[in-house]
Amino acid sequence: MITLKKFTSKDFTQLIQWVDSPKLLIQFAGPNFNFPLNEEQLKQHLKLPNRRHFVIYDSSRDQPIGHAEIQKIATETGLICRVILGNPTDRGKGLGKILISELCHYGFETCHFKSMELNVYEWNINAIKCYESVGFKVIESQEHLVKYNNEQWRIVRMHLDNKNFKSYLKTF
């Protein structure tokens, strides 16, 4: 069972261990952090307003398995961001779909958002398919590019409203 727990300074070490390469840091957090990720960067990030930071916890294994955030970007809109399943062996097993569903449920029920959005890199097809499986739709492919080494990564913006999420839940 996947649950969302509040992310605190006690969780810094685990997140830092998971984000073990510059490429993974950019994939996870965009250009908002510098590699290597460290406690000071995370302390400063926790101070930013309008954000809820989570440890993704798997109670069946009694351990944390990831991290995610929800940021309020408008009165009735939340942004799911900085999502990672820490252990690569946990990826591709359907946990991402459960995680995104839990984050949406939290955003709609606890934060009372009417819509949720997220950004994903265009090349991250597995993540896009995961988000689509929960009901997210691509709303735009932004011209904004993030640079990593000699590559340029295009950002895709996705959107889900509460009504469509409730329809998804009936099929889940």
Protein backbone atom coordinates (compact mmCIF):
# COMPACT_ATOMS: atom_id res chain seq x y z
CA MET A 1 0.00 0.00 0.00
CA ILE A 2 1.36 3.38 -1.06
CA THR A 3 0.89 6.30 1.33
CA LEU A 4 2.01 9.92 1.33
CA LYS A 5 3.94 11.06 4.38
CA LYS A 6 5.29 14.52 5.09
CA PHE A 7 8.85 14.98 3.80
CA THR A 8 11.14 16.42 6.49
CA SER A 9 14.85 16.90 7.07
CA LYS A 10 14.96 13.33 8.39
CA ASP A 11 14.31 12.20 4.80
CA PHE A 12 17.10 14.20 3.15
CA THR A 13 19.73 11.45 3.22
CA GLN A 14 17.50 8.93 1.45
CA LEU A 15 16.53 11.36 -1.31
CA ILE A 16 20.16 12.40 -1.82
CA GLN A 17 21.13 8.73 -2.19
CA TRP A 18 18.41 8.14 -4.79
CA VAL A 19 19.41 11.12 -6.95
CA ASP A 20 22.83 9.76 -7.81
CA SER A 21 23.63 11.38 -11.16
CA PRO A 22 23.38 14.82 -12.78
CA LYS A 23 21.01 13.43 -15.44
CA LEU A 24 18.66 11.94 -12.85
CA LEU A 25 18.68 15.21 -10.89
CA ILE A 26 17.61 17.18 -14.00
CA GLN A 27 14.99 14.54 -14.83
CA PHE A 28 13.66 14.62 -11.25
CA ALA A 29 13.84 18.33 -10.47
CA GLY A 30 14.55 20.25 -13.64
CA PRO A 31 17.23 22.92 -13.36
CA ASN A 32 16.19 23.87 -9.80
CA PHE A 33 19.06 22.09 -8.03
CA ASN A 34 22.79 21.58 -8.58
CA PHE A 35 24.48 18.19 -8.57
CA PRO A 36 25.28 16.73 -6.20
CA LEU A 37 22.04 17.28 -4.35
CA ASN A 38 22.75 18.17 -0.73
CA GLU A 39 21.02 18.99 2.54
CA GLU A 40 21.45 22.76 2.20
CA GLN A 41 19.64 22.80 -1.16
CA LEU A 42 16.83 20.71 0.29
CA LYS A 43 16.54 22.94 3.39
CA GLN A 44 16.15 25.99 1.16
CA HIS A 45 13.65 24.18 -1.06
CA LEU A 46 11.47 23.22 1.92
CA LYS A 47 11.11 26.94 2.73
CA LEU A 48 9.42 27.74 -0.59
CA PRO A 49 5.73 28.66 -0.21
CA ASN A 50 2.67 26.87 -1.57
CA ARG A 51 4.23 23.41 -1.67
CA ARG A 52 3.54 20.09 -0.04
CA HIS A 53 6.52 17.74 0.07
CA PHE A 54 6.00 13.99 0.42
CA VAL A 55 7.89 10.82 1.09
CA ILE A 56 6.24 8.02 -0.81
CA TYR A 57 5.97 5.16 1.62
CA ASP A 58 5.25 1.51 0.88
CA SER A 59 3.66 0.13 4.03
CA SER A 60 3.75 -3.44 2.70
CA ARG A 61 7.58 -3.24 2.80
CA ASP A 62 7.71 -0.74 5.67
CA GLN A 63 10.02 1.59 3.75
CA PRO A 64 10.15 4.80 1.76
CA ILE A 65 10.22 4.26 -1.99
CA GLY A 66 10.08 7.76 -3.43
CA HIS A 67 9.47 11.46 -3.25
CA ALA A 68 6.94 13.87 -4.76
CA GLU A 69 5.58 17.37 -4.36
CA ILE A 70 2.38 19.25 -5.06
CA GLN A 71 2.70 22.97 -5.67
CA LYS A 72 -0.21 25.39 -5.71
CA ILE A 73 0.18 27.30 -9.00
CA ALA A 74 -3.24 28.98 -9.10
CA THR A 75 -6.23 29.25 -6.78
CA GLU A 76 -7.72 25.99 -8.01
CA THR A 77 -4.76 24.30 -9.70
CA GLY A 78 -2.01 22.11 -8.29
CA LEU A 79 1.19 21.05 -10.00
CA ILE A 80 2.61 17.60 -9.37
CA CYS A 81 6.37 17.91 -9.44
CA ARG A 82 9.68 16.41 -8.38
CA VAL A 83 8.42 12.83 -8.56
CA ILE A 84 10.82 9.94 -8.21
CA LEU A 85 10.61 6.27 -7.41
CA GLY A 86 14.00 5.96 -5.76
CA ASN A 87 14.92 2.37 -6.47
CA PRO A 88 15.13 1.62 -10.21
CA THR A 89 13.79 -1.89 -9.51
CA ASP A 90 10.49 -0.30 -8.39
CA ARG A 91 10.00 1.37 -11.77
CA GLY A 92 7.87 -0.24 -14.46
CA LYS A 93 5.74 -2.20 -11.99
CA GLY A 94 2.65 0.01 -11.82
CA LEU A 95 3.72 1.85 -8.65
CA GLY A 96 3.91 5.12 -10.58
CA LYS A 97 0.24 4.88 -11.53
CA ILE A 98 -0.70 4.29 -7.89
CA LEU A 99 1.56 7.13 -6.78
CA ILE A 100 0.12 9.63 -9.28
CA SER A 101 -3.40 8.54 -8.31
CA GLU A 102 -2.61 9.18 -4.63
CA LEU A 103 -1.16 12.59 -5.42
CA CYS A 104 -4.23 13.53 -7.48
CA HIS A 105 -6.55 12.29 -4.76
CA TYR A 106 -4.66 14.42 -2.22
CA GLY A 107 -4.74 17.47 -4.51
CA PHE A 108 -8.45 17.16 -5.22
CA GLU A 109 -9.69 16.07 -1.80
CA THR A 110 -7.30 17.73 0.67
CA CYS A 111 -6.22 20.84 -1.25
CA HIS A 112 -9.58 21.21 -3.04
CA PHE A 113 -7.99 21.83 -6.41
CA LYS A 114 -10.23 21.59 -9.45
CA SER A 115 -7.36 20.60 -11.71
CA MET A 116 -3.88 19.13 -11.55
CA GLU A 117 -1.04 19.67 -13.96
CA LEU A 118 2.46 18.34 -14.41
CA ASN A 119 5.46 18.71 -16.66
CA VAL A 120 7.33 15.83 -18.20
CA TYR A 121 10.16 15.65 -20.69
CA GLU A 122 9.01 14.69 -24.16
CA TRP A 123 11.47 11.77 -24.33
CA ASN A 124 10.13 10.20 -21.11
CA ILE A 125 7.54 8.04 -22.87
CA ASN A 126 7.05 5.67 -19.92
CA ALA A 127 6.16 8.55 -17.60
CA ILE A 128 3.81 10.06 -20.18
CA LYS A 129 2.01 6.72 -20.55
CA CYS A 130 1.77 6.44 -16.76
CA TYR A 131 0.21 9.90 -16.48
CA GLU A 132 -2.17 9.21 -19.35
CA SER A 133 -3.27 6.00 -17.64
CA VAL A 134 -4.55 8.11 -14.73
CA GLY A 135 -6.38 10.49 -17.08
CA PHE A 136 -3.86 13.26 -17.78
CA LYS A 137 -3.93 14.77 -21.27
CA VAL A 138 -1.19 16.64 -23.07
CA ILE A 139 -2.15 20.31 -23.29
CA GLU A 140 0.96 21.69 -24.90
CA SER A 141 4.49 20.98 -25.89
CA GLN A 142 6.36 24.00 -24.64
CA GLU A 143 9.07 25.72 -26.59
CA HIS A 144 11.03 25.95 -23.36
CA LEU A 145 13.92 23.56 -23.47
CA VAL A 146 16.08 22.30 -20.63
CA LYS A 147 19.69 21.67 -21.53
CA TYR A 148 21.57 18.63 -20.31
CA ASN A 149 25.11 18.22 -21.67
CA ASN A 150 24.70 18.60 -25.45
CA GLU A 151 21.02 17.61 -25.39
CA GLN A 152 17.94 19.81 -25.31
CA TRP A 153 14.90 18.36 -23.58
CA ARG A 154 11.46 19.69 -24.55
CA ILE A 155 8.86 19.92 -21.78
CA VAL A 156 5.34 18.57 -22.26
CA ARG A 157 2.59 20.03 -20.05
CA MET A 158 -0.25 17.69 -18.99
CA HIS A 159 -3.59 18.44 -17.33
CA LEU A 160 -6.27 16.54 -15.41
CA ASP A 161 -9.48 17.97 -13.99
CA ASN A 162 -11.33 16.55 -11.01
CA LYS A 163 -14.28 15.36 -13.09
CA ASN A 164 -12.07 13.25 -15.37
CA PHE A 165 -10.15 11.90 -12.38
CA LYS A 166 -13.40 10.73 -10.78
CA SER A 167 -14.26 8.96 -14.05
CA TYR A 168 -10.85 7.30 -13.99
CA LEU A 169 -11.40 6.12 -10.39
CA LYS A 170 -14.55 4.28 -11.43
CA THR A 171 -12.46 2.14 -13.80
CA PHE A 172 -9.53 1.58 -11.42
